[in-house]
Amino acid sequence: MGCGMGVIKYLLFIFNFIFVLCGLAILIVGVLVQLGKQNYSEHLEDITSNLTLPAITLIVIGSIIFIIAFLGCCGAIRESHCMVVTFACLLLTILIIQVAISIYVFVVVKNSDEIDFKKIYTENLFMKYHPNTEEKEFVDTIQKSLQCCGIDSYQDFPDQIGRTIPGSCCDKPASDICEPINSYPKGCVEALENLFKSALTVLGGVALGIAAAELIGIIFALCLANSIRNTERRGYSV
């Protein structure tokens, strides 16, 4: 094996170490999105259902990547043509799946305007904001975590349900009263829509970015496999 192929051999090994980190990143992003989806899914199923497929798929891909990376490392060090080619084929399969996920995610983001966030939030949560209800606690949690208030603004509390502005609309306990001047200026519908789009964009961006790195790994693997095969043929001919 020539000097150039020797360099590719060790580059492929280094790539697989990076690939392990990429797999871990995919797995973590998928788990975080899935956990976040579950926190909101009970009351906002119409919105969070769009996150299920990409999140679970990324979790599965992230787990599989560890096995593939191990195969690539062994194939590169042992100079096994079969293992390196198998690694390249599996990596190509993962790459195709990730590109498909990215396309799906970006299509969902593009079509997110078709989702009536306002209707879903208003009917499923805000209009059920009453003392000692699960919906009240959930709205308070959303307002605190996303720093938003009401449907479109704090005015929705007195106008829509005839209640004072809760403390969750500003930096106070939910049981307190928030003054209008201190309340968060952004409505929760806008905040939820931004969160939804951001989560999907991160999913798609991570999948697409790592797919680009995988393409480089496939090229290295095929070059190394070709060099190994040529070396084996020369050995047989001697």
Protein backbone atom coordinates (compact mmCIF):
# COMPACT_ATOMS: atom_id res chain seq x y z
CA MET A 1 0.00 0.00 0.00
CA GLY A 2 1.40 3.34 -1.04
CA CYS A 3 2.08 6.31 1.16
CA GLY A 4 -1.05 8.09 -0.09
CA MET A 5 -3.28 5.15 0.78
CA GLY A 6 -1.56 4.86 4.14
CA VAL A 7 -2.57 8.44 4.87
CA ILE A 8 -6.16 7.66 3.80
CA LYS A 9 -6.12 4.62 6.11
CA TYR A 10 -5.34 6.73 9.16
CA LEU A 11 -7.62 9.54 8.02
CA LEU A 12 -10.43 7.00 7.84
CA PHE A 13 -9.62 5.84 11.36
CA ILE A 14 -9.66 9.45 12.62
CA PHE A 15 -12.87 10.06 10.70
CA ASN A 16 -14.55 7.17 12.48
CA PHE A 17 -13.60 8.62 15.84
CA ILE A 18 -15.21 11.88 14.77
CA PHE A 19 -18.11 9.82 13.43
CA VAL A 20 -18.65 8.40 16.92
CA LEU A 21 -18.97 11.96 18.24
CA CYS A 22 -21.37 12.80 15.40
CA GLY A 23 -23.46 9.76 16.29
CA LEU A 24 -23.55 10.90 19.89
CA ALA A 25 -24.65 14.37 18.75
CA ILE A 26 -27.46 12.89 16.63
CA LEU A 27 -28.57 10.69 19.52
CA ILE A 28 -28.59 13.57 22.01
CA VAL A 29 -30.53 15.90 19.69
CA GLY A 30 -33.07 13.17 18.97
CA VAL A 31 -33.54 12.38 22.67
CA LEU A 32 -33.87 16.05 23.65
CA VAL A 33 -36.48 16.72 20.96
CA GLN A 34 -38.38 13.55 21.89
CA LEU A 35 -38.38 14.47 25.59
CA GLY A 36 -39.47 18.01 24.79
CA LYS A 37 -42.21 16.67 22.53
CA GLN A 38 -43.53 14.43 25.31
CA ASN A 39 -43.72 17.39 27.68
CA TYR A 40 -46.07 19.19 25.30
CA SER A 41 -47.74 16.32 23.45
CA GLU A 42 -50.66 15.71 25.82
CA HIS A 43 -52.27 19.06 25.07
CA LEU A 44 -50.59 20.03 21.78
CA GLU A 45 -50.65 16.73 19.89
CA ASP A 46 -51.58 18.43 16.60
CA ILE A 47 -48.32 20.38 16.75
CA THR A 48 -45.86 17.92 18.31
CA SER A 49 -46.89 14.95 16.14
CA ASN A 50 -44.71 16.42 13.37
CA LEU A 51 -41.63 15.95 15.59
CA THR A 52 -42.13 12.25 16.31
CA LEU A 53 -40.77 10.71 13.10
CA PRO A 54 -37.57 12.79 12.81
CA ALA A 55 -36.77 12.51 16.53
CA ILE A 56 -37.17 8.73 16.75
CA THR A 57 -35.35 8.22 13.45
CA LEU A 58 -32.38 10.27 14.66
CA ILE A 59 -32.28 8.29 17.92
CA VAL A 60 -32.13 5.02 15.96
CA ILE A 61 -29.52 6.39 13.54
CA GLY A 62 -27.38 7.73 16.40
CA SER A 63 -27.37 4.30 18.04
CA ILE A 64 -26.53 2.45 14.82
CA ILE A 65 -23.67 4.84 14.05
CA PHE A 66 -21.64 3.48 16.98
CA ILE A 67 -21.69 0.01 15.43
CA ILE A 68 -20.84 1.32 11.98
CA ALA A 69 -17.97 3.45 13.32
CA PHE A 70 -16.52 0.43 15.12
CA LEU A 71 -16.70 -1.57 11.89
CA GLY A 72 -14.95 1.22 10.00
CA CYS A 73 -12.16 1.46 12.58
CA CYS A 74 -11.52 -2.28 12.51
CA GLY A 75 -11.63 -2.39 8.73
CA ALA A 76 -9.15 0.47 8.40
CA ILE A 77 -6.65 -0.87 10.92
CA ARG A 78 -6.84 -4.49 9.72
CA GLU A 79 -6.94 -3.41 6.08
CA SER A 80 -9.93 -5.67 5.48
CA HIS A 81 -11.51 -5.05 2.08
CA CYS A 82 -14.79 -6.70 3.10
CA MET A 83 -15.18 -4.69 6.31
CA VAL A 84 -14.29 -1.39 4.64
CA VAL A 85 -16.77 -1.95 1.79
CA THR A 86 -19.46 -3.01 4.26
CA PHE A 87 -18.75 0.12 6.27
CA ALA A 88 -19.09 2.29 3.14
CA CYS A 89 -22.39 0.64 2.16
CA LEU A 90 -23.88 1.04 5.63
CA LEU A 91 -22.68 4.62 5.79
CA LEU A 92 -24.29 5.33 2.42
CA THR A 93 -27.58 3.90 3.70
CA ILE A 94 -27.46 6.13 6.77
CA LEU A 95 -26.59 9.14 4.59
CA ILE A 96 -29.62 8.55 2.35
CA ILE A 97 -31.91 8.24 5.38
CA GLN A 98 -30.54 11.43 6.92
CA VAL A 99 -30.98 13.38 3.69
CA ALA A 100 -34.57 12.10 3.52
CA ILE A 101 -35.14 13.24 7.11
CA SER A 102 -33.73 16.68 6.34
CA ILE A 103 -35.98 17.06 3.31
CA TYR A 104 -39.02 15.96 5.34
CA VAL A 105 -38.16 18.35 8.17
CA PHE A 106 -37.64 21.36 5.93
CA VAL A 107 -40.91 20.62 4.09
CA VAL A 108 -42.72 20.55 7.44
CA VAL A 109 -41.10 23.85 8.43
CA LYS A 110 -42.09 25.37 5.10
CA ASN A 111 -45.68 24.18 5.53
CA SER A 112 -45.89 25.09 9.22
CA ASP A 113 -48.00 28.14 8.35
CA GLU A 114 -50.80 25.70 7.59
CA ILE A 115 -50.88 24.64 11.26
CA ASP A 116 -53.34 26.76 13.23
CA PHE A 117 -51.20 27.26 16.33
CA LYS A 118 -53.58 29.88 17.69
CA LYS A 119 -56.66 27.68 17.50
CA ILE A 120 -54.87 24.67 18.99
CA TYR A 121 -53.42 26.65 21.90
CA THR A 122 -56.59 28.62 22.58
CA GLU A 123 -59.02 25.69 22.53
CA ASN A 124 -56.82 23.04 24.16
CA LEU A 125 -55.21 25.17 26.84
CA PHE A 126 -55.93 28.84 27.28
CA MET A 127 -59.74 28.73 27.46
CA LYS A 128 -59.42 25.98 30.09
CA TYR A 129 -57.26 28.15 32.34
CA HIS A 130 -59.11 27.66 35.62
CA PRO A 131 -57.89 27.18 39.21
CA ASN A 132 -56.60 23.74 40.15
CA THR A 133 -56.66 22.36 36.60
CA GLU A 134 -53.91 20.63 34.67
CA GLU A 135 -54.37 23.10 31.82
CA LYS A 136 -53.66 26.03 34.15
CA GLU A 137 -50.41 24.47 35.33
CA PHE A 138 -49.42 23.72 31.76
CA VAL A 139 -50.11 27.28 30.57
CA ASP A 140 -48.13 28.65 33.52
CA THR A 141 -45.23 26.34 32.64
CA ILE A 142 -45.27 27.46 29.00
CA GLN A 143 -45.40 31.13 29.99
CA LYS A 144 -42.51 30.78 32.40
CA SER A 145 -40.27 28.63 30.20
CA LEU A 146 -40.90 30.51 26.94
CA GLN A 147 -41.30 33.94 28.59
CA CYS A 148 -44.62 34.66 26.93
CA CYS A 149 -48.07 35.76 28.08
CA GLY A 150 -51.59 34.96 26.94
CA ILE A 151 -52.51 34.04 23.39
CA ASP A 152 -51.18 37.17 21.72
CA SER A 153 -50.56 39.38 24.77
CA TYR A 154 -51.36 39.81 28.47
CA GLN A 155 -54.65 41.47 27.47
CA ASP A 156 -56.09 38.04 26.63
CA PHE A 157 -56.47 37.19 30.32
CA PRO A 158 -58.96 39.94 31.22
CA ASP A 159 -60.56 40.02 27.75
CA GLN A 160 -60.90 36.31 26.99
CA ILE A 161 -61.40 34.60 30.36
CA GLY A 162 -61.96 37.51 32.75
CA ARG A 163 -58.94 36.81 34.94
CA THR A 164 -56.11 38.90 36.30
CA ILE A 165 -52.69 38.47 34.72
CA PRO A 166 -50.94 35.59 36.53
CA GLY A 167 -47.43 35.81 37.91
CA SER A 168 -46.22 33.34 35.29
CA CYS A 169 -46.50 36.21 32.80
CA CYS A 170 -43.55 37.84 34.51
CA ASP A 171 -40.81 36.79 36.88
CA LYS A 172 -43.15 35.88 39.75
CA PRO A 173 -44.82 32.75 41.18
CA ALA A 174 -47.88 31.72 39.15
CA SER A 175 -50.18 32.42 42.11
CA ASP A 176 -49.17 36.10 42.19
CA ILE A 177 -50.57 38.89 40.06
CA CYS A 178 -48.45 40.38 37.30
CA GLU A 179 -48.71 44.05 36.42
CA PRO A 180 -49.29 44.71 32.69
CA ILE A 181 -46.16 46.85 32.45
CA ASN A 182 -44.03 43.94 33.76
CA SER A 183 -45.59 41.16 31.68
CA TYR A 184 -43.78 39.42 28.85
CA PRO A 185 -44.53 41.27 25.59
CA LYS A 186 -44.62 38.18 23.39
CA GLY A 187 -47.74 36.01 23.08
CA CYS A 188 -47.44 32.26 23.67
CA VAL A 189 -48.78 31.34 20.22
CA GLU A 190 -45.86 33.14 18.61
CA ALA A 191 -43.43 31.61 21.12
CA LEU A 192 -44.70 28.07 20.50
CA GLU A 193 -44.55 28.54 16.74
CA ASN A 194 -40.95 29.79 16.97
CA LEU A 195 -40.01 26.85 19.23
CA PHE A 196 -41.59 24.38 16.82
CA LYS A 197 -39.75 25.81 13.81
CA SER A 198 -36.44 26.03 15.72
CA ALA A 199 -36.64 22.41 16.88
CA LEU A 200 -37.30 21.14 13.37
CA THR A 201 -34.61 23.36 11.85
CA VAL A 202 -32.04 22.04 14.35
CA LEU A 203 -33.05 18.46 13.56
CA GLY A 204 -32.77 19.01 9.82
CA GLY A 205 -29.55 20.99 10.07
CA VAL A 206 -27.82 18.40 12.26
CA ALA A 207 -28.89 15.54 9.96
CA LEU A 208 -27.80 17.37 6.81
CA GLY A 209 -24.49 18.59 8.27
CA ILE A 210 -23.46 15.15 9.46
CA ALA A 211 -24.55 13.65 6.12
CA ALA A 212 -21.94 15.87 4.45
CA ALA A 213 -19.26 14.48 6.78
CA GLU A 214 -20.45 10.94 6.05
CA LEU A 215 -20.02 11.54 2.32
CA ILE A 216 -16.34 12.29 2.91
CA GLY A 217 -16.05 9.08 4.95
CA ILE A 218 -17.61 7.07 2.12
CA ILE A 219 -15.10 8.49 -0.38
CA PHE A 220 -12.17 7.66 1.95
CA ALA A 221 -13.51 4.16 2.55
CA LEU A 222 -13.95 3.38 -1.15
CA CYS A 223 -10.45 4.67 -1.94
CA LEU A 224 -8.98 2.53 0.84
CA ALA A 225 -11.01 -0.52 -0.24
CA ASN A 226 -9.77 -0.12 -3.82
CA SER A 227 -6.17 0.16 -2.64
CA ILE A 228 -6.54 -2.95 -0.44
CA ARG A 229 -8.01 -4.91 -3.35
CA ASN A 230 -5.18 -3.83 -5.68
CA THR A 231 -2.60 -4.83 -3.04
CA GLU A 232 -4.25 -8.23 -2.62
CA ARG A 233 -4.27 -8.80 -6.39
CA ARG A 234 -0.59 -7.93 -6.68
CA GLY A 235 0.13 -10.33 -3.84
CA TYR A 236 -1.72 -13.15 -5.59
CA SER A 237 0.11 -12.51 -8.84
CA VAL A 238 3.55 -12.90 -7.24
